[in-house]
Amino acid sequence: MRATLTNDVETAARDLADHGYCLLECPISPGAFERLRGRLLDVAEQEREDGSAFLYDGGNQRVFSLLNKGEEFEENVRDPSVMRLMEELLGVGFLLSSTHANIAGPGGAPMHLHADQTFARPPWPPYALVANSMWMLDDFTAENGATRLVPGSHLLGRQPDYERGEGNTATVPVCAPAGSVMVFDGRLWHQTGANTTGRPRHGILNYYCRGYVRQQQNFFTGLKEEVAARAEPGLRRLLGYENYFSLGMTDGLP
């Protein structure tokens, strides 16, 4: 069984529990989506032109630290529909761990099969420590490098065992139209697919973690001052400026 594309958050939450991922229809307006996509394409092109682009696996590109590269990304990381699903997975007080783009370029090789919480030593708890959301800025197809995954693998509670050949486990592509959002459990086995077309496939990965898990990005040292200064309360909470119960205090005080 696979997740179905839906605009109903309750249906999406059930798919998350059963399959380890869900698919949301585009939760933002067409205009907001075009601004988001346009800004990402501009930044990616600029980084290729100025030689700062992170290129890997033959034709793929990553664009890191998106919060420093456009206000469109600041809005994107706190989308209400995605926030509801993240709270379902990660509980109250979850944090933004990182935000970056993954561009599967023509001729790019597939990524190795993995789970996002492989940083945690086994045995894993019976719940997600982290979760991810993939904003599909193009149609995701089997041919252009759509994310591939093993439905239900989040229930195994471990990463693939490469010594037992599980790195070659059969995967299925998650195909959906541009604007769709895939939210997935950090225990789910997945990989970037190979892009066999002549056009790049663009996606934004907003990655979140439980409030007591260390964030992938250090926003306190890496965020531009002007971004931190204009951050509204919801974004500041996601960045880690609020306490998580007794964690994050200053001199013993909240």
C-alpha atoms as a PDB file:
ATOM      1  CA  MET A   1       0.000   0.000   0.000  1.00  0.00           C
ATOM      2  CA  ARG A   2       1.114   3.554  -0.753  1.00  0.00           C
ATOM      3  CA  ALA A   3       0.121   6.975   0.533  1.00  0.00           C
ATOM      4  CA  THR A   4      -2.499   8.904  -1.405  1.00  0.00           C
ATOM      5  CA  LEU A   5      -2.283  12.553  -2.433  1.00  0.00           C
ATOM      6  CA  THR A   6      -4.725  14.447  -0.198  1.00  0.00           C
ATOM      7  CA  ASN A   7      -5.608  17.874   1.171  1.00  0.00           C
ATOM      8  CA  ASP A   8      -6.942  16.355   4.390  1.00  0.00           C
ATOM      9  CA  VAL A   9      -4.401  16.455   7.220  1.00  0.00           C
ATOM     10  CA  GLU A  10      -6.139  13.643   9.144  1.00  0.00           C
ATOM     11  CA  THR A  11      -5.850  11.316   6.150  1.00  0.00           C
ATOM     12  CA  ALA A  12      -2.232  12.331   5.766  1.00  0.00           C
ATOM     13  CA  ALA A  13      -1.571  11.569   9.445  1.00  0.00           C
ATOM     14  CA  ARG A  14      -2.966   8.061   9.009  1.00  0.00           C
ATOM     15  CA  ASP A  15      -0.729   7.475   5.999  1.00  0.00           C
ATOM     16  CA  LEU A  16       2.249   8.657   8.047  1.00  0.00           C
ATOM     17  CA  ALA A  17       1.491   6.117  10.758  1.00  0.00           C
ATOM     18  CA  ASP A  18       0.826   3.244   8.345  1.00  0.00           C
ATOM     19  CA  HIS A  19       3.361   3.835   5.559  1.00  0.00           C
ATOM     20  CA  GLY A  20       5.921   6.176   7.098  1.00  0.00           C
ATOM     21  CA  TYR A  21       5.108   8.975   4.669  1.00  0.00           C
ATOM     22  CA  CYS A  22       2.193  10.991   3.333  1.00  0.00           C
ATOM     23  CA  LEU A  23       1.468  13.281   0.386  1.00  0.00           C
ATOM     24  CA  LEU A  24      -0.199  16.673   0.715  1.00  0.00           C
ATOM     25  CA  GLU A  25      -1.682  18.597  -2.160  1.00  0.00           C
ATOM     26  CA  CYS A  26      -0.030  22.001  -2.539  1.00  0.00           C
ATOM     27  CA  PRO A  27      -0.887  23.831   0.726  1.00  0.00           C
ATOM     28  CA  ILE A  28       0.079  27.318  -0.494  1.00  0.00           C
ATOM     29  CA  SER A  29      -1.338  29.616  -3.159  1.00  0.00           C
ATOM     30  CA  PRO A  30      -0.157  29.335  -6.785  1.00  0.00           C
ATOM     31  CA  GLY A  31       1.487  32.742  -6.467  1.00  0.00           C
ATOM     32  CA  ALA A  32       3.374  31.777  -3.303  1.00  0.00           C
ATOM     33  CA  PHE A  33       4.492  28.540  -4.930  1.00  0.00           C
ATOM     34  CA  GLU A  34       5.840  30.331  -8.006  1.00  0.00           C
ATOM     35  CA  ARG A  35       7.739  32.810  -5.818  1.00  0.00           C
ATOM     36  CA  LEU A  36       9.235  29.958  -3.785  1.00  0.00           C
ATOM     37  CA  ARG A  37      10.241  27.990  -6.874  1.00  0.00           C
ATOM     38  CA  GLY A  38      11.587  31.048  -8.666  1.00  0.00           C
ATOM     39  CA  ARG A  39      13.735  32.072  -5.720  1.00  0.00           C
ATOM     40  CA  LEU A  40      15.245  28.599  -5.378  1.00  0.00           C
ATOM     41  CA  LEU A  41      16.063  28.409  -9.083  1.00  0.00           C
ATOM     42  CA  ASP A  42      17.704  31.853  -8.946  1.00  0.00           C
ATOM     43  CA  VAL A  43      19.847  30.936  -5.933  1.00  0.00           C
ATOM     44  CA  ALA A  44      20.885  27.577  -7.407  1.00  0.00           C
ATOM     45  CA  GLU A  45      21.885  29.200 -10.708  1.00  0.00           C
ATOM     46  CA  GLN A  46      23.831  31.962  -8.946  1.00  0.00           C
ATOM     47  CA  GLU A  47      25.797  29.431  -6.898  1.00  0.00           C
ATOM     48  CA  ARG A  48      26.690  27.480 -10.028  1.00  0.00           C
ATOM     49  CA  GLU A  49      27.818  30.672 -11.766  1.00  0.00           C
ATOM     50  CA  ASP A  50      29.951  31.962  -8.889  1.00  0.00           C
ATOM     51  CA  GLY A  51      31.569  28.594  -8.218  1.00  0.00           C
ATOM     52  CA  SER A  52      30.123  28.116  -4.721  1.00  0.00           C
ATOM     53  CA  ALA A  53      27.657  25.370  -5.686  1.00  0.00           C
ATOM     54  CA  PHE A  54      27.828  22.026  -3.860  1.00  0.00           C
ATOM     55  CA  LEU A  55      27.773  19.461  -6.669  1.00  0.00           C
ATOM     56  CA  TYR A  56      27.861  15.698  -6.140  1.00  0.00           C
ATOM     57  CA  ASP A  57      27.056  12.289  -7.651  1.00  0.00           C
ATOM     58  CA  GLY A  58      27.591  13.314 -11.252  1.00  0.00           C
ATOM     59  CA  GLY A  59      24.963  16.001 -11.769  1.00  0.00           C
ATOM     60  CA  ASN A  60      23.231  16.688  -8.468  1.00  0.00           C
ATOM     61  CA  GLN A  61      23.327  19.934  -6.479  1.00  0.00           C
ATOM     62  CA  ARG A  62      22.552  20.893  -2.892  1.00  0.00           C
ATOM     63  CA  VAL A  63      21.699  24.442  -1.826  1.00  0.00           C
ATOM     64  CA  PHE A  64      22.292  24.823   1.901  1.00  0.00           C
ATOM     65  CA  SER A  65      21.197  27.348   4.564  1.00  0.00           C
ATOM     66  CA  LEU A  66      18.087  28.493   2.717  1.00  0.00           C
ATOM     67  CA  LEU A  67      16.955  30.764   5.542  1.00  0.00           C
ATOM     68  CA  ASN A  68      19.874  33.040   4.635  1.00  0.00           C
ATOM     69  CA  LYS A  69      18.868  33.141   0.978  1.00  0.00           C
ATOM     70  CA  GLY A  70      15.344  34.511   0.779  1.00  0.00           C
ATOM     71  CA  GLU A  71      12.308  35.426   2.859  1.00  0.00           C
ATOM     72  CA  GLU A  72      10.305  32.913   0.810  1.00  0.00           C
ATOM     73  CA  PHE A  73      12.147  30.142   2.668  1.00  0.00           C
ATOM     74  CA  GLU A  74      11.389  31.684   6.054  1.00  0.00           C
ATOM     75  CA  GLU A  75       7.676  31.358   5.295  1.00  0.00           C
ATOM     76  CA  ASN A  76       8.097  27.894   3.837  1.00  0.00           C
ATOM     77  CA  VAL A  77       9.566  26.240   6.961  1.00  0.00           C
ATOM     78  CA  ARG A  78       6.504  27.096   9.069  1.00  0.00           C
ATOM     79  CA  ASP A  79       3.672  26.071   6.749  1.00  0.00           C
ATOM     80  CA  PRO A  80       0.646  25.305   9.002  1.00  0.00           C
ATOM     81  CA  SER A  81      -0.294  21.976   7.374  1.00  0.00           C
ATOM     82  CA  VAL A  82       3.234  20.644   7.627  1.00  0.00           C
ATOM     83  CA  MET A  83       3.525  21.952  11.195  1.00  0.00           C
ATOM     84  CA  ARG A  84       0.463  19.928  12.226  1.00  0.00           C
ATOM     85  CA  LEU A  85       1.942  16.745  10.800  1.00  0.00           C
ATOM     86  CA  MET A  86       5.334  17.398  12.367  1.00  0.00           C
ATOM     87  CA  GLU A  87       3.719  17.796  15.761  1.00  0.00           C
ATOM     88  CA  GLU A  88       1.940  14.496  15.144  1.00  0.00           C
ATOM     89  CA  LEU A  89       5.321  12.844  14.586  1.00  0.00           C
ATOM     90  CA  LEU A  90       7.625  14.785  16.903  1.00  0.00           C
ATOM     91  CA  GLY A  91       5.427  16.133  19.688  1.00  0.00           C
ATOM     92  CA  VAL A  92       5.134  19.660  21.016  1.00  0.00           C
ATOM     93  CA  GLY A  93       8.155  21.935  20.960  1.00  0.00           C
ATOM     94  CA  PHE A  94       9.811  20.336  17.926  1.00  0.00           C
ATOM     95  CA  LEU A  95      12.544  22.306  16.154  1.00  0.00           C
ATOM     96  CA  LEU A  96      13.685  23.065  12.642  1.00  0.00           C
ATOM     97  CA  SER A  97      16.857  21.024  12.201  1.00  0.00           C
ATOM     98  CA  SER A  98      17.928  22.264   8.755  1.00  0.00           C
ATOM     99  CA  THR A  99      16.572  23.500   5.454  1.00  0.00           C
ATOM    100  CA  HIS A 100      18.182  22.983   2.060  1.00  0.00           C
ATOM    101  CA  ALA A 101      17.385  22.102  -1.523  1.00  0.00           C
ATOM    102  CA  ASN A 102      18.174  18.871  -3.328  1.00  0.00           C
ATOM    103  CA  ILE A 103      18.387  19.162  -7.104  1.00  0.00           C
ATOM    104  CA  ALA A 104      18.613  15.894  -9.039  1.00  0.00           C
ATOM    105  CA  GLY A 105      20.463  16.850 -12.201  1.00  0.00           C
ATOM    106  CA  PRO A 106      20.477  15.016 -15.533  1.00  0.00           C
ATOM    107  CA  GLY A 107      22.805  12.066 -15.238  1.00  0.00           C
ATOM    108  CA  GLY A 108      22.932  12.295 -11.450  1.00  0.00           C
ATOM    109  CA  ALA A 109      23.424   8.997  -9.632  1.00  0.00           C
ATOM    110  CA  PRO A 110      20.925   7.682  -7.076  1.00  0.00           C
ATOM    111  CA  MET A 111      21.706   8.170  -3.385  1.00  0.00           C
ATOM    112  CA  HIS A 112      22.383   5.211  -1.104  1.00  0.00           C
ATOM    113  CA  LEU A 113      19.390   3.843   0.784  1.00  0.00           C
ATOM    114  CA  HIS A 114      19.239   5.288   4.299  1.00  0.00           C
ATOM    115  CA  ALA A 115      17.089   6.546   7.166  1.00  0.00           C
ATOM    116  CA  ASP A 116      17.456  10.126   8.367  1.00  0.00           C
ATOM    117  CA  GLN A 117      17.965   9.242  12.013  1.00  0.00           C
ATOM    118  CA  THR A 118      21.008   7.051  11.488  1.00  0.00           C
ATOM    119  CA  PHE A 119      22.856   9.471  13.801  1.00  0.00           C
ATOM    120  CA  ALA A 120      21.099   7.708  16.707  1.00  0.00           C
ATOM    121  CA  ARG A 121      22.734   4.508  17.881  1.00  0.00           C
ATOM    122  CA  PRO A 122      20.461   1.452  18.086  1.00  0.00           C
ATOM    123  CA  PRO A 123      18.180   0.377  19.542  1.00  0.00           C
ATOM    124  CA  TRP A 124      15.907   3.158  18.316  1.00  0.00           C
ATOM    125  CA  PRO A 125      12.838   4.141  20.336  1.00  0.00           C
ATOM    126  CA  PRO A 126       9.456   3.168  18.853  1.00  0.00           C
ATOM    127  CA  TYR A 127       8.862   6.685  17.538  1.00  0.00           C
ATOM    128  CA  ALA A 128      10.560   9.166  15.230  1.00  0.00           C
ATOM    129  CA  LEU A 129      13.320  11.419  16.559  1.00  0.00           C
ATOM    130  CA  VAL A 130      13.358  13.431  13.329  1.00  0.00           C
ATOM    131  CA  ALA A 131      11.116  13.896  10.317  1.00  0.00           C
ATOM    132  CA  ASN A 132      11.455  15.486   6.900  1.00  0.00           C
ATOM    133  CA  SER A 133       9.319  17.283   4.354  1.00  0.00           C
ATOM    134  CA  MET A 134      10.053  17.366   0.638  1.00  0.00           C
ATOM    135  CA  TRP A 135       8.482  20.261  -1.250  1.00  0.00           C
ATOM    136  CA  MET A 136       8.249  19.181  -4.876  1.00  0.00           C
ATOM    137  CA  LEU A 137       9.048  22.207  -7.034  1.00  0.00           C
ATOM    138  CA  ASP A 138       8.692  20.162 -10.238  1.00  0.00           C
ATOM    139  CA  ASP A 139       6.571  17.157 -11.098  1.00  0.00           C
ATOM    140  CA  PHE A 140       8.279  14.202  -9.413  1.00  0.00           C
ATOM    141  CA  THR A 141       8.468  11.198 -11.740  1.00  0.00           C
ATOM    142  CA  ALA A 142      10.239   7.859 -11.763  1.00  0.00           C
ATOM    143  CA  GLU A 143      12.380   9.152 -14.620  1.00  0.00           C
ATOM    144  CA  ASN A 144      13.532  12.488 -13.172  1.00  0.00           C
ATOM    145  CA  GLY A 145      14.854  11.327  -9.814  1.00  0.00           C
ATOM    146  CA  ALA A 146      11.793  11.290  -7.574  1.00  0.00           C
ATOM    147  CA  THR A 147      12.486  10.258  -3.994  1.00  0.00           C
ATOM    148  CA  ARG A 148      12.364   6.468  -3.718  1.00  0.00           C
ATOM    149  CA  LEU A 149      11.445   4.645  -0.521  1.00  0.00           C
ATOM    150  CA  VAL A 150      10.464   1.416   1.179  1.00  0.00           C
ATOM    151  CA  PRO A 151       6.899   1.886   2.491  1.00  0.00           C
ATOM    152  CA  GLY A 152       6.480   0.674   6.054  1.00  0.00           C
ATOM    153  CA  SER A 153      10.208   0.430   6.742  1.00  0.00           C
ATOM    154  CA  HIS A 154       9.851   2.972   9.573  1.00  0.00           C
ATOM    155  CA  LEU A 155       8.259   0.189  11.616  1.00  0.00           C
ATOM    156  CA  LEU A 156      11.500  -1.833  11.493  1.00  0.00           C
ATOM    157  CA  GLY A 157      13.071   0.689  13.851  1.00  0.00           C
ATOM    158  CA  ARG A 158      16.570   0.488  12.359  1.00  0.00           C
ATOM    159  CA  GLN A 159      18.661   1.546   9.406  1.00  0.00           C
ATOM    160  CA  PRO A 160      19.325  -0.775   6.435  1.00  0.00           C
ATOM    161  CA  ASP A 161      21.905  -3.464   7.154  1.00  0.00           C
ATOM    162  CA  TYR A 162      24.348  -3.229   4.267  1.00  0.00           C
ATOM    163  CA  GLU A 163      26.233  -6.351   5.334  1.00  0.00           C
ATOM    164  CA  ARG A 164      23.018  -8.309   4.820  1.00  0.00           C
ATOM    165  CA  GLY A 165      22.413  -6.715   1.424  1.00  0.00           C
ATOM    166  CA  GLU A 166      19.570  -4.463   2.558  1.00  0.00           C
ATOM    167  CA  GLY A 167      21.157  -1.526   0.768  1.00  0.00           C
ATOM    168  CA  ASN A 168      19.739  -3.101  -2.396  1.00  0.00           C
ATOM    169  CA  THR A 169      16.188  -3.401  -1.070  1.00  0.00           C
ATOM    170  CA  ALA A 170      13.625  -2.635  -3.781  1.00  0.00           C
ATOM    171  CA  THR A 171      12.226   0.899  -3.554  1.00  0.00           C
ATOM    172  CA  VAL A 172       9.230   2.663  -5.089  1.00  0.00           C
ATOM    173  CA  PRO A 173       9.259   6.214  -6.495  1.00  0.00           C
ATOM    174  CA  VAL A 174       7.020   8.838  -4.905  1.00  0.00           C
ATOM    175  CA  CYS A 175       5.440  10.510  -7.929  1.00  0.00           C
ATOM    176  CA  ALA A 176       3.293  13.624  -7.558  1.00  0.00           C
ATOM    177  CA  PRO A 177       2.683  16.951  -9.320  1.00  0.00           C
ATOM    178  CA  ALA A 178       4.667  20.104  -8.656  1.00  0.00           C
ATOM    179  CA  GLY A 179       3.564  21.798  -5.444  1.00  0.00           C
ATOM    180  CA  SER A 180       2.943  18.558  -3.564  1.00  0.00           C
ATOM    181  CA  VAL A 181       4.622  17.994  -0.209  1.00  0.00           C
ATOM    182  CA  MET A 182       5.834  14.636   1.057  1.00  0.00           C
ATOM    183  CA  VAL A 183       6.197  14.424   4.845  1.00  0.00           C
ATOM    184  CA  PHE A 184       8.109  11.378   6.044  1.00  0.00           C
ATOM    185  CA  ASP A 185       9.198   9.710   9.253  1.00  0.00           C
ATOM    186  CA  GLY A 186      12.916   9.891  10.068  1.00  0.00           C
ATOM    187  CA  ARG A 187      13.064   6.097  10.359  1.00  0.00           C
ATOM    188  CA  LEU A 188      11.828   5.521   6.793  1.00  0.00           C
ATOM    189  CA  TRP A 189      14.311   4.011   4.335  1.00  0.00           C
ATOM    190  CA  HIS A 190      14.625   6.235   1.272  1.00  0.00           C
ATOM    191  CA  GLN A 191      16.967   7.623  -1.379  1.00  0.00           C
ATOM    192  CA  THR A 192      17.188  10.205  -4.144  1.00  0.00           C
ATOM    193  CA  GLY A 193      16.407   8.533  -7.461  1.00  0.00           C
ATOM    194  CA  ALA A 194      18.491   8.724 -10.627  1.00  0.00           C
ATOM    195  CA  ASN A 195      17.487  11.455 -13.081  1.00  0.00           C
ATOM    196  CA  THR A 196      17.492   9.940 -16.558  1.00  0.00           C
ATOM    197  CA  THR A 197      15.849  12.952 -18.218  1.00  0.00           C
ATOM    198  CA  GLY A 198      17.451  16.055 -19.685  1.00  0.00           C
ATOM    199  CA  ARG A 199      16.049  18.475 -17.084  1.00  0.00           C
ATOM    200  CA  PRO A 200      16.842  18.983 -13.374  1.00  0.00           C
ATOM    201  CA  ARG A 201      14.353  18.032 -10.686  1.00  0.00           C
ATOM    202  CA  HIS A 202      14.099  20.559  -7.823  1.00  0.00           C
ATOM    203  CA  GLY A 203      12.949  19.951  -4.257  1.00  0.00           C
ATOM    204  CA  ILE A 204      13.252  21.650  -0.869  1.00  0.00           C
ATOM    205  CA  LEU A 205      13.897  19.556   2.235  1.00  0.00           C
ATOM    206  CA  ASN A 206      12.752  21.082   5.522  1.00  0.00           C
ATOM    207  CA  TYR A 207      14.035  18.776   8.243  1.00  0.00           C
ATOM    208  CA  TYR A 208      12.713  18.854  11.837  1.00  0.00           C
ATOM    209  CA  CYS A 209      13.632  17.203  15.136  1.00  0.00           C
ATOM    210  CA  ARG A 210      12.246  16.654  18.617  1.00  0.00           C
ATOM    211  CA  GLY A 211      12.912  19.482  21.032  1.00  0.00           C
ATOM    212  CA  TYR A 212      15.680  17.598  22.841  1.00  0.00           C
ATOM    213  CA  VAL A 213      17.581  16.486  19.705  1.00  0.00           C
ATOM    214  CA  ARG A 214      20.546  18.527  18.457  1.00  0.00           C
ATOM    215  CA  GLN A 215      19.747  20.435  15.263  1.00  0.00           C
ATOM    216  CA  GLN A 216      21.658  19.653  12.078  1.00  0.00           C
ATOM    217  CA  GLN A 217      22.307  23.355  11.469  1.00  0.00           C
ATOM    218  CA  ASN A 218      23.608  25.671  14.202  1.00  0.00           C
ATOM    219  CA  PHE A 219      21.299  28.610  13.614  1.00  0.00           C
ATOM    220  CA  PHE A 220      22.778  30.644  16.478  1.00  0.00           C
ATOM    221  CA  THR A 221      26.113  30.922  14.696  1.00  0.00           C
ATOM    222  CA  GLY A 222      25.091  30.421  11.063  1.00  0.00           C
ATOM    223  CA  LEU A 223      21.988  32.574  10.648  1.00  0.00           C
ATOM    224  CA  LYS A 224      22.414  36.075   9.263  1.00  0.00           C
ATOM    225  CA  GLU A 225      21.753  38.758  11.864  1.00  0.00           C
ATOM    226  CA  GLU A 226      19.000  40.364   9.807  1.00  0.00           C
ATOM    227  CA  VAL A 227      17.163  37.044   9.469  1.00  0.00           C
ATOM    228  CA  ALA A 228      17.246  36.440  13.223  1.00  0.00           C
ATOM    229  CA  ALA A 229      16.194  40.046  13.896  1.00  0.00           C
ATOM    230  CA  ARG A 230      13.050  39.892  11.770  1.00  0.00           C
ATOM    231  CA  ALA A 231      12.036  36.347  12.773  1.00  0.00           C
ATOM    232  CA  GLU A 232       8.507  36.294  14.143  1.00  0.00           C
ATOM    233  CA  PRO A 233       7.720  34.211  17.274  1.00  0.00           C
ATOM    234  CA  GLY A 234       6.796  31.035  15.376  1.00  0.00           C
ATOM    235  CA  LEU A 235      10.090  30.976  13.504  1.00  0.00           C
ATOM    236  CA  ARG A 236      12.095  31.849  16.612  1.00  0.00           C
ATOM    237  CA  ARG A 237      10.553  28.866  18.387  1.00  0.00           C
ATOM    238  CA  LEU A 238      11.494  26.580  15.504  1.00  0.00           C
ATOM    239  CA  LEU A 239      15.061  27.896  15.575  1.00  0.00           C
ATOM    240  CA  GLY A 240      15.432  27.073  19.280  1.00  0.00           C
ATOM    241  CA  TYR A 241      15.080  30.455  20.975  1.00  0.00           C
ATOM    242  CA  GLU A 242      12.454  29.096  23.398  1.00  0.00           C
ATOM    243  CA  ASN A 243      13.012  26.588  26.185  1.00  0.00           C
ATOM    244  CA  TYR A 244      12.038  22.958  25.802  1.00  0.00           C
ATOM    245  CA  PHE A 245      10.814  22.304  29.344  1.00  0.00           C
ATOM    246  CA  SER A 246      14.033  22.689  31.410  1.00  0.00           C
ATOM    247  CA  LEU A 247      16.348  22.604  28.362  1.00  0.00           C
ATOM    248  CA  GLY A 248      17.802  25.780  26.917  1.00  0.00           C
ATOM    249  CA  MET A 249      17.871  27.847  30.079  1.00  0.00           C
ATOM    250  CA  THR A 250      20.232  30.769  30.720  1.00  0.00           C
ATOM    251  CA  ASP A 251      21.920  30.838  34.140  1.00  0.00           C
ATOM    252  CA  GLY A 252      19.231  28.541  35.514  1.00  0.00           C
ATOM    253  CA  LEU A 253      16.385  30.716  34.263  1.00  0.00           C
ATOM    254  CA  PRO A 254      13.931  30.331  31.345  1.00  0.00           C
END
